[in-house]
N, C-alpha and C. Protein backbone atom coordinates (compact mmCIF):
# COMPACT_ATOMS: atom_id res chain seq x y z
N UNK A 1 2.79 -12.86 10.88
CA UNK A 1 1.93 -14.52 10.41
C UNK A 1 1.37 -14.70 9.51
N UNK A 2 0.52 -14.13 9.02
CA UNK A 2 -0.21 -14.13 8.05
C UNK A 2 -0.13 -13.09 6.72
N UNK A 3 0.99 -12.19 6.66
CA UNK A 3 1.51 -10.92 6.36
C UNK A 3 0.46 -11.00 4.65
N UNK A 4 0.93 -12.41 3.92
CA UNK A 4 1.11 -12.39 2.79
C UNK A 4 -0.83 -13.11 2.41
N UNK A 5 -1.07 -13.48 3.47
CA UNK A 5 -2.63 -14.08 3.26
C UNK A 5 -3.28 -12.59 2.82
N UNK A 6 -2.66 -11.66 4.04
CA UNK A 6 -3.45 -10.66 4.60
C UNK A 6 -3.59 -9.72 2.76
N UNK A 7 -3.02 -9.50 2.52
CA UNK A 7 -2.12 -9.11 0.88
C UNK A 7 -3.13 -9.62 0.18
N UNK A 8 -2.94 -11.48 -0.12
CA UNK A 8 -3.97 -11.90 -1.42
C UNK A 8 -5.04 -11.72 -0.95
N UNK A 9 -5.17 -11.78 -0.13
CA UNK A 9 -6.93 -11.68 0.29
C UNK A 9 -7.70 -10.49 0.39
N UNK A 10 -6.94 -9.44 0.11
CA UNK A 10 -7.18 -8.29 0.34
C UNK A 10 -7.59 -7.84 -0.84
N UNK A 11 -5.95 -7.98 -1.74
CA UNK A 11 -5.68 -6.96 -2.85
C UNK A 11 -6.10 -7.78 -3.90
N UNK A 12 -5.87 -9.48 -4.01
CA UNK A 12 -5.81 -9.93 -5.32
C UNK A 12 -7.60 -9.93 -5.58
N UNK A 13 -8.00 -10.71 -4.43
CA UNK A 13 -9.53 -10.81 -4.19
C UNK A 13 -10.61 -10.01 -5.11
N UNK A 14 -10.17 -9.10 -4.19
CA UNK A 14 -10.92 -7.88 -4.04
C UNK A 14 -11.21 -7.11 -5.60
N UNK A 15 -9.77 -7.02 -6.21
CA UNK A 15 -9.82 -6.87 -7.64
C UNK A 15 -10.56 -7.49 -8.72
N UNK A 16 -9.91 -9.15 -8.18
CA UNK A 16 -11.00 -10.42 -9.34
C UNK A 16 -12.58 -10.26 -8.94
N UNK A 17 -13.01 -9.42 -7.92
CA UNK A 17 -14.41 -9.39 -7.72
C UNK A 17 -14.78 -8.31 -8.53
N UNK A 18 -13.81 -7.06 -8.24
CA UNK A 18 -14.32 -5.59 -9.02
C UNK A 18 -14.03 -5.75 -10.19
N UNK A 19 -13.15 -6.26 -11.09
CA UNK A 19 -12.60 -6.30 -12.79
C UNK A 19 -13.19 -7.34 -13.39
N UNK A 20 -13.31 -9.00 -12.81
CA UNK A 20 -13.78 -9.64 -13.52
C UNK A 20 -15.65 -10.22 -12.73
N UNK A 21 -15.94 -10.55 -11.83
CA UNK A 21 -16.95 -10.96 -11.38
C UNK A 21 -18.24 -9.72 -11.41
N UNK A 22 -18.04 -8.59 -11.02
CA UNK A 22 -18.90 -7.67 -11.29
C UNK A 22 -19.62 -7.60 -12.76
N UNK A 23 -18.16 -6.72 -13.76
CA UNK A 23 -18.71 -6.69 -14.96
C UNK A 23 -19.64 -8.13 -15.85
N UNK A 24 -18.57 -9.18 -15.09
CA UNK A 24 -19.64 -10.57 -15.98
C UNK A 24 -21.34 -10.22 -15.40
N UNK A 25 -21.15 -10.13 -14.26
CA UNK A 25 -22.94 -9.60 -13.29
C UNK A 25 -23.31 -8.09 -13.65
N UNK A 26 -22.64 -7.28 -15.30
CA UNK A 26 -23.36 -6.13 -15.57
C UNK A 26 -23.16 -4.76 -14.63
N UNK A 27 -22.26 -4.90 -13.90
CA UNK A 27 -21.98 -3.93 -12.41
C UNK A 27 -20.37 -3.51 -13.07
N UNK A 28 -20.69 -2.49 -13.70
CA UNK A 28 -19.46 -1.04 -14.03
C UNK A 28 -18.76 -0.61 -13.46
N UNK A 29 -17.45 -1.16 -13.11
CA UNK A 29 -16.73 -0.27 -11.74
C UNK A 29 -16.77 1.31 -12.52
N UNK A 30 -17.49 2.46 -11.52
CA UNK A 30 -17.82 4.05 -11.59
C UNK A 30 -17.95 4.24 -10.78
N UNK A 31 -17.40 6.13 -10.61
CA UNK A 31 -17.97 6.83 -9.42
C UNK A 31 -16.84 6.29 -8.09
N UNK A 32 -17.41 6.47 -7.07
CA UNK A 32 -16.78 6.47 -5.99
C UNK A 32 -16.80 5.16 -5.63
N UNK A 33 -15.67 4.56 -6.18
CA UNK A 33 -15.52 3.16 -5.49
C UNK A 33 -15.17 2.90 -4.41
N UNK A 34 -14.22 4.06 -3.66
CA UNK A 34 -13.67 4.04 -2.32
C UNK A 34 -14.34 2.69 -1.34
N UNK A 35 -15.82 3.28 -0.95
CA UNK A 35 -16.11 2.03 0.04
C UNK A 35 -16.65 0.95 -0.73
N UNK A 36 -16.83 0.83 -1.63
CA UNK A 36 -17.16 -0.56 -2.28
C UNK A 36 -15.50 -1.35 -1.39
N UNK A 37 -14.63 -1.09 -2.78
CA UNK A 37 -12.79 -1.27 -2.37
C UNK A 37 -12.73 -2.00 -0.48
N UNK A 38 -13.29 -0.90 0.16
CA UNK A 38 -12.78 -0.62 1.53
C UNK A 38 -13.26 -2.03 2.13
N UNK A 39 -15.16 -1.92 1.73
CA UNK A 39 -14.81 -3.31 2.65
C UNK A 39 -14.85 -4.41 1.85
N UNK A 40 -15.10 -4.57 0.48
CA UNK A 40 -14.20 -5.70 -0.17
C UNK A 40 -12.89 -6.38 0.57
N UNK A 41 -11.95 -5.24 0.48
CA UNK A 41 -10.83 -5.63 0.81
C UNK A 41 -10.73 -5.99 2.48
N UNK A 42 -11.41 -5.63 3.57
CA UNK A 42 -11.56 -5.95 4.66
C UNK A 42 -12.14 -7.05 5.02
N UNK A 43 -13.28 -7.26 4.13
CA UNK A 43 -14.09 -8.41 4.02
C UNK A 43 -12.94 -10.18 3.66
N UNK A 44 -12.25 -9.57 2.54
CA UNK A 44 -11.79 -10.90 1.90
C UNK A 44 -10.51 -11.14 2.46
N UNK A 45 -9.65 -9.88 3.42
CA UNK A 45 -8.69 -9.89 4.19
C UNK A 45 -8.55 -10.86 5.32
N UNK A 46 -10.10 -10.72 5.97
CA UNK A 46 -10.26 -11.33 6.87
C UNK A 46 -10.36 -12.55 6.94
N UNK A 47 -11.16 -12.72 5.72
CA UNK A 47 -11.64 -14.28 5.38
C UNK A 47 -9.96 -15.45 5.01
N UNK A 48 -9.39 -14.95 4.19
CA UNK A 48 -8.16 -15.28 4.28
C UNK A 48 -7.08 -15.42 5.50
N UNK A 49 -7.42 -14.85 6.14
CA UNK A 49 -6.38 -14.49 7.48
C UNK A 49 -7.13 -16.08 8.35
N UNK A 50 -7.82 -15.58 8.63
CA UNK A 50 -9.34 -16.71 9.40
C UNK A 50 -8.79 -18.36 8.58
N UNK A 51 -8.60 -18.38 7.40
CA UNK A 51 -8.67 -19.78 6.84
C UNK A 51 -6.83 -19.61 7.22
N UNK A 52 -6.12 -19.42 7.16
CA UNK A 52 -4.83 -19.43 7.13
C UNK A 52 -4.69 -19.94 8.81
N UNK A 53 -5.40 -19.25 9.44
CA UNK A 53 -4.89 -19.58 10.91
C UNK A 53 -5.30 -20.95 11.28
N UNK A 54 -6.95 -21.57 10.68
CA UNK A 54 -7.49 -22.79 10.61
C UNK A 54 -6.53 -23.66 10.27
N UNK A 55 -5.91 -23.68 9.02
CA UNK A 55 -5.46 -24.32 7.87
C UNK A 55 -4.07 -24.79 9.11
N UNK A 56 -3.36 -23.36 9.57
CA UNK A 56 -2.43 -23.73 10.36
C UNK A 56 -2.61 -24.68 11.72
N UNK A 57 -3.84 -24.30 11.78
CA UNK A 57 -3.91 -25.32 13.64
C UNK A 57 -4.50 -26.47 13.28
N UNK A 58 -5.23 -26.79 12.54
CA UNK A 58 -5.20 -28.47 12.10
C UNK A 58 -4.43 -28.85 11.24
N UNK A 59 -2.88 -27.97 10.61
CA UNK A 59 -2.12 -29.30 10.43
C UNK A 59 -0.60 -28.82 11.39
N UNK A 60 -0.78 -28.47 12.26
CA UNK A 60 0.50 -28.06 12.90
C UNK A 60 1.13 -29.64 13.24
N UNK A 61 0.28 -31.09 13.66
CA UNK A 61 0.72 -31.75 14.09
C UNK A 61 0.92 -32.87 13.29
N UNK A 62 1.08 -32.68 12.24
CA UNK A 62 0.78 -33.86 10.62
C UNK A 62 2.05 -33.91 10.60
N UNK A 63 2.92 -33.21 10.26
CA UNK A 63 4.24 -32.92 9.85
C UNK A 63 4.88 -34.46 10.53
N UNK A 64 5.04 -35.45 8.80
CA UNK A 64 6.23 -36.51 9.23
C UNK A 64 6.98 -36.10 8.99
N UNK A 65 8.33 -37.06 9.80
CA UNK A 65 10.03 -36.92 10.07
C UNK A 65 10.46 -38.16 8.99
């Protein structure tokens, strides 16, 4: 149902956070990034999947013929 949402939320938003937002805050990627990336991937993927579920639930009956 939401494989694209999981991939977009997990990969794209986590990469944007690590490589764009964090350097703007003077936090540079270094050392063991796996725990930071895993937590970011999981939280962003679930957040995006939840948004997709609610979007589909609230727009299910609004299709015009």
